[in-house]
Amino acid sequence: MRFVFLFILMIVSRLANTALQVDISAKAAVLMNAETGAVLYEKNAYLPLYPASITKVITALYALEKRGDQLDQVIKVSKDAVSSVSPQMRRDKLGSHPPYRLEFGGSLMGLKVAELVSAEALFYGLMLSSGNDAANSLAEWVSGSIPQFMQELNEYVKSLGCKQTILTTPHGLSHADHKTTAYDMCLLTKKALEQPFFRKVVKTITYLKPASNKQPQVELLQHNSLIKPGKFYYPKAIGVKTGYTASSGYTIAAAAEDQSRNLIVVLMGCDKLEQRYRDTIALFEAGFNEPKIKRTLFSKNFDVFNTIQKKSKHPIKAALNEDVVISYYASEEPLIKPELEWRPISFPIQTGQQLATLSLYDQNKQVLATYPLYAIEKVSSTFYYQVLDKCLSWSMNLKQFLPLLMLGLGITVLFFSFVWVRRRP
């Protein structure tokens, strides 16, 4: 048998990690478990790069966090939100145009000045058509102005732990200071996927934008080839967002599901559109085809847990009635902290009596599982402590009956005093 003492249990157990082997040509890439946040694969994960239109994932996330319960609200499109200039004028450092100004030739939802459109429709225009005008309009709706929205958005991403993300526009058109990392984008996409409406929008193939005061009904089409019929259709994909500018190259934030795993891929700096989709599918397939590993942390037949009690000459021994087994993927390195909590010990201890609880915690201090520990043998206290316990027991009993004894004594004294007085001549 292996004797396991308490101080050993307090050590964090880091299990073996085997990174996925995938040949990725993108400049930066991350494959993440969408539920746990574990990174299965990374390449230049913390290198700041231009994200292009996957910026819209962040805009959608913050807008839903702030006003996701007001999707039916009608918004009047402002001139500032849809005004466009040439790319040279917009990017001129000495020019007068703000970073969020639209460019001729950029992707649009097709909004008109003073058009009345619902917030819901703007979200579809943002994520399906990659509308830069929809991004600006949502920013104004959420915060009153686009500069105020950008200030709030940067504070928000920092609060989520995205320390290398700096955003200057809500849409992702090129700007020297507008950068993020593949890892930060994975975290933000993971957060966005917690929003049911976001999940609904990003897997939609087509959306009919209702007729407005300025335009007739129009069909908006999905840009993400992973979720629509064609060369790069991937049946496990549930969407999210693609992007492209000359400065960023082709980018993507994608999510996919199968029976065992929910995964997120972020690629940045792809040279070709085909490369973006092939790399994404290769990463998803590597993750979904990875076998699970089982490991026994503690054995019911092998591990004995001990505690020392001064009332006994021998250690108190306890064991599990089942093995402690965890399952994990080789690419996901779990952090597990076992902790042992003993119950108050009272003698005699009987065989099979529960003495302690073994708990497993993850890196977020959440309980993964608990296991009871039972005495493997009968244990009595020493003769000295048995006598001492008896004396203490008698003393406690005496304390309980002391008021009655005092009352009885008082009644007896009164009775004999009364009798003595009656008998006096």
Protein backbone atom coordinates (compact mmCIF):
# COMPACT_ATOMS: atom_id res chain seq x y z
CA MET A 1 0.00 0.00 0.00
CA ARG A 2 1.08 3.58 -0.63
CA PHE A 3 0.66 5.91 2.34
CA VAL A 4 -0.55 9.37 1.34
CA PHE A 5 -0.10 12.17 3.86
CA LEU A 6 -1.94 15.49 3.96
CA PHE A 7 1.02 17.64 2.93
CA ILE A 8 1.31 15.67 -0.31
CA LEU A 9 -2.33 16.32 -1.14
CA MET A 10 -1.86 20.07 -0.94
CA ILE A 11 0.49 20.03 -3.94
CA VAL A 12 -1.06 21.03 -7.27
CA SER A 13 -0.95 18.12 -9.72
CA ARG A 14 -0.10 19.12 -13.30
CA LEU A 15 -0.62 16.29 -15.72
CA ALA A 16 1.36 15.57 -18.84
CA ASN A 17 0.54 17.74 -21.84
CA THR A 18 1.06 16.78 -25.47
CA ALA A 19 0.45 19.63 -27.90
CA LEU A 20 -1.41 18.87 -31.10
CA GLN A 21 0.82 18.55 -34.13
CA VAL A 22 -0.75 20.55 -36.98
CA ASP A 23 0.98 22.28 -39.91
CA ILE A 24 -0.48 25.80 -39.94
CA SER A 25 0.68 28.48 -42.38
CA ALA A 26 -1.16 31.41 -40.76
CA LYS A 27 1.05 33.93 -38.99
CA ALA A 28 -0.79 33.34 -35.68
CA ALA A 29 -3.24 30.67 -34.58
CA VAL A 30 -5.01 29.38 -31.48
CA LEU A 31 -7.28 26.37 -30.99
CA MET A 32 -9.23 26.66 -27.73
CA ASN A 33 -11.77 24.58 -25.84
CA ALA A 34 -14.86 26.81 -25.88
CA GLU A 35 -16.07 25.50 -22.53
CA THR A 36 -12.91 25.44 -20.40
CA GLY A 37 -10.68 27.96 -22.16
CA ALA A 38 -7.88 25.38 -22.41
CA VAL A 39 -5.51 26.00 -25.34
CA LEU A 40 -5.00 22.90 -27.48
CA TYR A 41 -2.74 24.49 -30.08
CA GLU A 42 -0.99 27.83 -30.41
CA LYS A 43 1.31 29.61 -32.80
CA ASN A 44 2.38 33.20 -32.04
CA ALA A 45 -0.69 33.34 -29.81
CA TYR A 46 0.36 36.58 -28.09
CA LEU A 47 1.69 38.45 -31.12
CA PRO A 48 -0.30 41.70 -31.67
CA LEU A 49 -1.68 41.78 -35.23
CA TYR A 50 -4.36 43.57 -37.25
CA PRO A 51 -7.66 41.68 -36.80
CA ALA A 52 -9.70 43.25 -39.65
CA SER A 53 -13.43 42.46 -39.45
CA ILE A 54 -13.23 39.85 -36.69
CA THR A 55 -13.20 43.04 -34.61
CA LYS A 56 -16.97 42.92 -35.11
CA VAL A 57 -17.15 39.93 -32.75
CA ILE A 58 -15.97 42.25 -29.97
CA THR A 59 -18.38 45.00 -30.99
CA ALA A 60 -21.30 42.56 -31.04
CA LEU A 61 -20.30 41.12 -27.65
CA TYR A 62 -20.16 44.48 -25.90
CA ALA A 63 -23.35 45.74 -27.56
CA LEU A 64 -25.22 42.62 -26.41
CA GLU A 65 -23.79 42.91 -22.91
CA LYS A 66 -25.00 46.50 -22.67
CA ARG A 67 -28.33 46.45 -24.55
CA GLY A 68 -29.06 42.87 -25.56
CA ASP A 69 -32.54 43.12 -24.04
CA GLN A 70 -33.52 45.96 -26.43
CA LEU A 71 -33.12 44.31 -29.83
CA ASP A 72 -36.51 45.51 -31.06
CA GLN A 73 -35.57 49.16 -30.53
CA VAL A 74 -35.59 51.25 -33.72
CA ILE A 75 -32.44 53.25 -34.45
CA LYS A 76 -32.10 56.31 -36.69
CA VAL A 77 -28.90 56.06 -38.74
CA SER A 78 -26.70 59.15 -38.45
CA LYS A 79 -24.62 60.80 -41.16
CA ASP A 80 -21.47 60.32 -39.08
CA ALA A 81 -22.06 56.54 -38.94
CA VAL A 82 -22.23 56.07 -42.72
CA SER A 83 -19.98 58.78 -44.15
CA SER A 84 -17.18 57.40 -46.36
CA VAL A 85 -13.90 58.76 -47.70
CA SER A 86 -11.08 57.31 -49.76
CA PRO A 87 -8.72 54.91 -47.95
CA GLN A 88 -5.85 57.39 -48.40
CA MET A 89 -7.80 60.26 -46.79
CA ARG A 90 -8.96 58.09 -43.90
CA ARG A 91 -5.48 56.75 -43.12
CA ASP A 92 -3.67 60.05 -43.53
CA LYS A 93 -2.16 60.79 -40.11
CA LEU A 94 -2.44 64.51 -40.79
CA GLY A 95 -6.02 64.26 -41.98
CA SER A 96 -9.15 65.25 -40.11
CA HIS A 97 -11.04 61.98 -40.35
CA PRO A 98 -11.46 59.80 -37.23
CA PRO A 99 -10.38 56.13 -37.28
CA TYR A 100 -13.96 54.92 -37.45
CA ARG A 101 -14.70 56.79 -40.70
CA LEU A 102 -15.79 54.39 -43.48
CA GLU A 103 -13.82 53.78 -46.66
CA PHE A 104 -15.05 53.60 -50.24
CA GLY A 105 -14.99 49.94 -51.26
CA GLY A 106 -15.35 48.62 -47.71
CA SER A 107 -17.98 46.02 -46.77
CA LEU A 108 -21.36 47.53 -45.95
CA MET A 109 -24.84 46.62 -44.85
CA GLY A 110 -26.07 49.42 -47.11
CA LEU A 111 -27.60 51.81 -44.55
CA LYS A 112 -28.86 55.28 -45.55
CA VAL A 113 -28.70 58.52 -43.58
CA ALA A 114 -31.87 58.89 -41.42
CA GLU A 115 -32.92 55.31 -42.13
CA LEU A 116 -34.93 53.70 -39.33
CA VAL A 117 -33.73 50.17 -38.63
CA SER A 118 -34.03 47.80 -35.65
CA ALA A 119 -31.07 46.88 -33.47
CA GLU A 120 -31.71 43.24 -34.37
CA ALA A 121 -31.30 43.96 -38.07
CA LEU A 122 -28.05 45.84 -37.36
CA PHE A 123 -26.60 42.77 -35.65
CA TYR A 124 -27.36 40.64 -38.71
CA GLY A 125 -25.87 43.32 -40.96
CA LEU A 126 -22.80 43.40 -38.72
CA MET A 127 -22.12 39.65 -38.63
CA LEU A 128 -23.46 38.40 -41.99
CA SER A 129 -22.70 41.27 -44.37
CA SER A 130 -19.73 42.45 -42.28
CA GLY A 131 -21.28 45.91 -42.42
CA ASN A 132 -18.88 48.62 -41.29
CA ASP A 133 -21.85 51.00 -41.30
CA ALA A 134 -23.75 48.62 -39.00
CA ALA A 135 -20.78 48.61 -36.59
CA ASN A 136 -20.76 52.41 -36.38
CA SER A 137 -24.54 52.58 -35.95
CA LEU A 138 -24.51 50.00 -33.14
CA ALA A 139 -21.68 51.90 -31.43
CA GLU A 140 -23.71 55.12 -31.46
CA TRP A 141 -26.80 53.28 -30.20
CA VAL A 142 -24.93 51.67 -27.29
CA SER A 143 -22.87 54.63 -26.07
CA GLY A 144 -24.24 57.79 -27.66
CA SER A 145 -21.18 58.37 -29.81
CA ILE A 146 -18.55 56.21 -31.50
CA PRO A 147 -15.57 57.69 -29.56
CA GLN A 148 -17.39 57.04 -26.28
CA PHE A 149 -18.13 53.48 -27.43
CA MET A 150 -14.46 52.88 -28.21
CA GLN A 151 -13.40 54.13 -24.80
CA GLU A 152 -15.90 51.81 -23.10
CA LEU A 153 -14.99 48.91 -25.40
CA ASN A 154 -11.29 49.11 -24.53
CA GLU A 155 -12.07 49.21 -20.83
CA TYR A 156 -14.35 46.21 -21.29
CA VAL A 157 -11.80 44.01 -23.08
CA LYS A 158 -9.20 44.84 -20.43
CA SER A 159 -11.66 43.76 -17.72
CA LEU A 160 -11.91 40.37 -19.45
CA GLY A 161 -8.14 39.88 -19.25
CA CYS A 162 -7.31 40.86 -22.85
CA LYS A 163 -4.21 42.87 -22.05
CA GLN A 164 -2.78 43.15 -25.57
CA THR A 165 -5.93 44.32 -27.33
CA ILE A 166 -6.21 47.98 -28.36
CA LEU A 167 -9.21 48.97 -30.47
CA THR A 168 -9.63 52.21 -32.39
CA THR A 169 -12.65 51.27 -34.54
CA PRO A 170 -15.81 49.20 -34.00
CA HIS A 171 -15.48 47.57 -37.44
CA GLY A 172 -11.80 46.73 -37.93
CA LEU A 173 -10.78 48.88 -40.91
CA SER A 174 -7.00 49.27 -40.86
CA HIS A 175 -5.46 51.60 -38.30
CA ALA A 176 -1.90 51.60 -36.99
CA ASP A 177 -2.96 51.23 -33.35
CA HIS A 178 -5.86 48.78 -33.85
CA LYS A 179 -4.45 45.39 -32.83
CA THR A 180 -5.22 42.23 -30.89
CA THR A 181 -3.79 38.73 -30.50
CA ALA A 182 -5.08 35.32 -31.51
CA TYR A 183 -5.34 34.37 -27.83
CA ASP A 184 -7.31 37.49 -26.88
CA MET A 185 -9.66 36.95 -29.83
CA CYS A 186 -10.29 33.39 -28.67
CA LEU A 187 -11.20 34.63 -25.19
CA LEU A 188 -13.55 37.26 -26.62
CA THR A 189 -15.17 34.78 -29.02
CA LYS A 190 -15.64 32.33 -26.15
CA LYS A 191 -17.39 35.09 -24.18
CA ALA A 192 -19.56 36.07 -27.16
CA LEU A 193 -20.70 32.47 -27.67
CA GLU A 194 -22.26 32.60 -24.21
CA GLN A 195 -24.87 34.95 -25.72
CA PRO A 196 -27.75 32.91 -27.27
CA PHE A 197 -28.60 35.67 -29.76
CA PHE A 198 -24.99 35.88 -30.92
CA ARG A 199 -24.90 32.11 -31.52
CA LYS A 200 -28.13 32.40 -33.52
CA VAL A 201 -26.86 35.24 -35.70
CA VAL A 202 -23.43 33.83 -36.54
CA LYS A 203 -24.81 30.53 -37.88
CA THR A 204 -27.49 32.21 -40.03
CA ILE A 205 -26.98 31.83 -43.79
CA THR A 206 -29.39 34.52 -45.01
CA TYR A 207 -31.44 37.23 -43.33
CA LEU A 208 -34.25 39.34 -44.79
CA LYS A 209 -33.75 42.91 -43.62
CA PRO A 210 -37.25 44.40 -43.34
CA ALA A 211 -38.28 47.31 -45.52
CA SER A 212 -37.58 50.68 -43.92
CA ASN A 213 -38.48 54.32 -44.49
CA LYS A 214 -35.55 54.54 -46.92
CA GLN A 215 -35.24 51.12 -48.58
CA PRO A 216 -37.24 48.06 -49.58
CA GLN A 217 -36.73 44.64 -48.05
CA VAL A 218 -33.27 43.24 -48.82
CA GLU A 219 -31.57 39.87 -48.32
CA LEU A 220 -28.30 39.82 -46.35
CA LEU A 221 -25.87 36.99 -47.13
CA GLN A 222 -23.41 35.17 -44.89
CA HIS A 223 -19.70 35.64 -45.75
CA ASN A 224 -18.37 32.66 -43.76
CA SER A 225 -17.86 29.73 -46.17
CA LEU A 226 -17.56 27.20 -43.33
CA ILE A 227 -21.31 27.23 -42.71
CA LYS A 228 -22.78 27.46 -46.21
CA PRO A 229 -22.73 25.00 -49.12
CA GLY A 230 -19.56 25.14 -51.13
CA LYS A 231 -15.90 24.16 -51.32
CA PHE A 232 -15.09 24.93 -47.68
CA TYR A 233 -18.34 23.85 -46.03
CA TYR A 234 -17.60 22.22 -42.66
CA PRO A 235 -20.64 20.47 -41.13
CA LYS A 236 -19.41 20.83 -37.54
CA ALA A 237 -19.03 24.61 -37.83
CA ILE A 238 -21.48 26.94 -36.09
CA GLY A 239 -20.05 30.13 -37.61
CA VAL A 240 -18.65 33.26 -36.16
CA LYS A 241 -16.75 35.81 -38.35
CA THR A 242 -14.23 36.27 -41.15
CA GLY A 243 -12.13 39.33 -41.99
CA TYR A 244 -9.74 40.79 -44.52
CA THR A 245 -7.75 43.95 -45.20
CA ALA A 246 -4.53 44.42 -47.12
CA SER A 247 -2.74 45.11 -43.82
CA SER A 248 -4.15 42.19 -41.85
CA GLY A 249 -4.38 39.50 -44.50
CA TYR A 250 -7.19 36.98 -44.12
CA THR A 251 -8.45 36.43 -40.57
CA ILE A 252 -11.11 34.27 -38.95
CA ALA A 253 -12.72 33.52 -35.60
CA ALA A 254 -14.64 30.26 -35.96
CA ALA A 255 -16.49 27.82 -33.70
CA ALA A 256 -17.45 24.19 -34.19
CA GLU A 257 -19.14 21.44 -32.19
CA ASP A 258 -19.35 17.69 -32.14
CA GLN A 259 -20.52 15.18 -29.51
CA SER A 260 -17.45 15.46 -27.33
CA ARG A 261 -16.08 18.97 -27.72
CA ASN A 262 -16.86 22.61 -28.47
CA LEU A 263 -13.87 24.34 -30.05
CA ILE A 264 -12.82 27.82 -31.22
CA VAL A 265 -10.21 28.61 -33.87
CA VAL A 266 -8.69 32.04 -34.43
CA LEU A 267 -6.32 32.61 -37.34
CA MET A 268 -4.58 35.89 -38.14
CA GLY A 269 -2.25 36.83 -40.96
CA CYS A 270 -3.27 34.31 -43.63
CA ASP A 271 -1.91 35.10 -47.09
CA LYS A 272 -4.76 33.48 -49.04
CA LEU A 273 -8.47 32.93 -48.53
CA GLU A 274 -8.14 29.19 -49.21
CA GLN A 275 -5.36 28.94 -46.65
CA ARG A 276 -7.61 30.50 -44.00
CA TYR A 277 -10.29 27.85 -44.40
CA ARG A 278 -7.93 24.90 -44.82
CA ASP A 279 -5.99 25.82 -41.68
CA THR A 280 -9.22 26.27 -39.73
CA ILE A 281 -10.61 22.88 -40.75
CA ALA A 282 -7.25 21.19 -40.07
CA LEU A 283 -7.20 22.55 -36.51
CA PHE A 284 -10.81 21.56 -35.84
CA GLU A 285 -10.23 18.04 -37.15
CA ALA A 286 -7.09 17.62 -35.06
CA GLY A 287 -9.04 18.61 -31.96
CA PHE A 288 -12.11 16.50 -32.65
CA ASN A 289 -10.09 13.38 -33.54
CA GLU A 290 -7.91 13.49 -30.45
CA PRO A 291 -8.47 10.47 -28.16
CA LYS A 292 -9.23 10.88 -24.48
CA ILE A 293 -6.85 9.67 -21.79
CA LYS A 294 -7.84 8.21 -18.42
CA ARG A 295 -5.62 8.50 -15.39
CA THR A 296 -6.08 7.10 -11.88
CA LEU A 297 -4.99 9.73 -9.37
CA PHE A 298 -5.77 7.65 -6.27
CA SER A 299 -6.54 3.95 -5.98
CA LYS A 300 -8.98 2.35 -3.55
CA ASN A 301 -6.72 -0.71 -3.30
CA PHE A 302 -3.39 1.06 -3.18
CA ASP A 303 -3.64 4.43 -1.40
CA VAL A 304 -4.05 4.75 2.36
CA PHE A 305 -4.57 8.16 3.98
CA ASN A 306 -3.29 8.75 7.52
CA THR A 307 -3.77 11.19 10.34
CA ILE A 308 -2.04 11.19 13.74
CA GLN A 309 -4.14 11.54 16.91
CA LYS A 310 -2.53 11.89 20.36
CA LYS A 311 -5.26 9.72 21.90
CA SER A 312 -4.07 6.74 19.88
CA LYS A 313 -0.69 5.00 19.66
CA HIS A 314 -1.21 4.28 15.98
CA PRO A 315 -2.10 6.46 12.94
CA ILE A 316 -5.74 6.54 11.87
CA LYS A 317 -5.97 4.96 8.42
CA ALA A 318 -8.65 5.63 5.82
CA ALA A 319 -9.20 4.54 2.23
CA LEU A 320 -11.48 5.18 -0.75
CA ASN A 321 -14.27 2.84 -1.78
CA GLU A 322 -13.69 3.77 -5.46
CA ASP A 323 -10.76 4.85 -7.60
CA VAL A 324 -10.30 8.57 -8.30
CA VAL A 325 -10.11 8.63 -12.10
CA ILE A 326 -9.99 11.67 -14.40
CA SER A 327 -10.39 11.81 -18.16
CA TYR A 328 -8.72 14.44 -20.32
CA TYR A 329 -7.36 15.10 -23.78
CA ALA A 330 -3.59 14.95 -24.17
CA SER A 331 -3.47 18.50 -25.54
CA GLU A 332 -5.36 19.93 -22.55
CA GLU A 333 -3.17 20.07 -19.50
CA PRO A 334 -5.46 20.02 -16.46
CA LEU A 335 -4.49 21.65 -13.20
CA ILE A 336 -5.93 19.65 -10.32
CA LYS A 337 -5.59 20.42 -6.63
CA PRO A 338 -6.62 17.59 -4.28
CA GLU A 339 -7.54 18.59 -0.72
CA LEU A 340 -8.25 16.29 2.21
CA GLU A 341 -10.57 17.30 5.06
CA TRP A 342 -10.76 15.06 8.15
CA ARG A 343 -13.88 14.91 10.27
CA PRO A 344 -13.58 15.38 14.06
CA ILE A 345 -12.23 12.08 15.41
CA SER A 346 -14.02 10.36 18.29
CA PHE A 347 -13.04 6.97 19.69
CA PRO A 348 -13.56 4.13 19.27
CA ILE A 349 -13.38 4.19 15.48
CA GLN A 350 -15.27 1.43 13.73
CA THR A 351 -14.25 -0.24 10.47
CA GLY A 352 -16.12 1.38 7.55
CA GLN A 353 -16.80 4.61 9.45
CA GLN A 354 -16.46 7.75 7.28
CA LEU A 355 -13.51 9.74 8.51
CA ALA A 356 -12.69 12.27 5.79
CA THR A 357 -13.51 13.73 2.36
CA LEU A 358 -11.15 14.05 -0.59
CA SER A 359 -12.04 16.95 -2.95
CA LEU A 360 -10.61 17.76 -6.38
CA TYR A 361 -10.44 21.43 -7.45
CA ASP A 362 -9.68 22.90 -10.87
CA GLN A 363 -7.54 25.97 -11.59
CA ASN A 364 -10.57 28.20 -10.96
CA LYS A 365 -11.06 26.72 -7.48
CA GLN A 366 -14.26 24.99 -8.59
CA VAL A 367 -15.01 21.57 -7.08
CA LEU A 368 -14.73 18.86 -9.73
CA ALA A 369 -15.61 15.88 -7.51
CA THR A 370 -15.65 14.70 -3.89
CA TYR A 371 -14.88 11.25 -2.52
CA PRO A 372 -15.55 9.93 1.03
CA LEU A 373 -12.80 8.11 2.92
CA TYR A 374 -13.60 5.26 5.31
CA ALA A 375 -11.75 3.68 8.25
CA ILE A 376 -10.00 0.45 7.22
CA GLU A 377 -9.67 -0.91 10.77
CA LYS A 378 -11.06 -0.51 14.28
CA VAL A 379 -9.07 1.87 16.47
CA SER A 380 -9.45 2.55 20.21
CA SER A 381 -7.82 5.22 22.31
CA THR A 382 -5.11 4.35 24.86
CA PHE A 383 -6.08 3.15 28.34
CA TYR A 384 -5.09 6.52 29.82
CA TYR A 385 -7.43 8.44 27.49
CA GLN A 386 -10.19 5.89 28.01
CA VAL A 387 -10.03 6.52 31.79
CA LEU A 388 -9.78 10.27 31.19
CA ASP A 389 -12.80 10.18 28.88
CA LYS A 390 -14.78 8.26 31.49
CA CYS A 391 -13.93 10.82 34.14
CA LEU A 392 -14.88 13.64 31.83
CA SER A 393 -18.13 11.85 31.05
CA TRP A 394 -18.91 11.41 34.75
CA SER A 395 -18.03 15.05 35.33
CA MET A 396 -20.38 16.13 32.56
CA ASN A 397 -23.14 13.93 33.94
CA LEU A 398 -22.56 15.38 37.39
CA LYS A 399 -22.89 18.88 35.99
CA GLN A 400 -26.18 17.93 34.37
CA PHE A 401 -27.62 16.56 37.62
CA LEU A 402 -26.06 19.16 39.93
CA PRO A 403 -29.11 21.47 39.91
CA LEU A 404 -31.35 18.54 40.84
CA LEU A 405 -28.98 17.46 43.61
CA MET A 406 -28.88 20.98 44.98
CA LEU A 407 -32.66 21.20 44.85
CA GLY A 408 -32.97 17.82 46.58
CA LEU A 409 -30.48 18.85 49.23
CA GLY A 410 -32.33 22.10 49.84
CA ILE A 411 -35.66 20.29 50.18
CA THR A 412 -34.08 17.79 52.61
CA VAL A 413 -32.61 20.58 54.75
CA LEU A 414 -35.93 22.39 54.85
CA PHE A 415 -37.76 19.19 55.75
CA PHE A 416 -35.51 18.32 58.68
CA SER A 417 -35.48 21.93 59.84
CA PHE A 418 -39.28 21.89 59.86
CA VAL A 419 -39.35 18.58 61.76
CA TRP A 420 -36.79 19.86 64.30
CA VAL A 421 -38.79 23.02 64.95
CA ARG A 422 -42.02 21.03 65.44
CA ARG A 423 -40.36 18.76 67.99
CA ARG A 424 -38.99 21.55 70.20
CA PRO A 425 -40.78 21.76 73.65
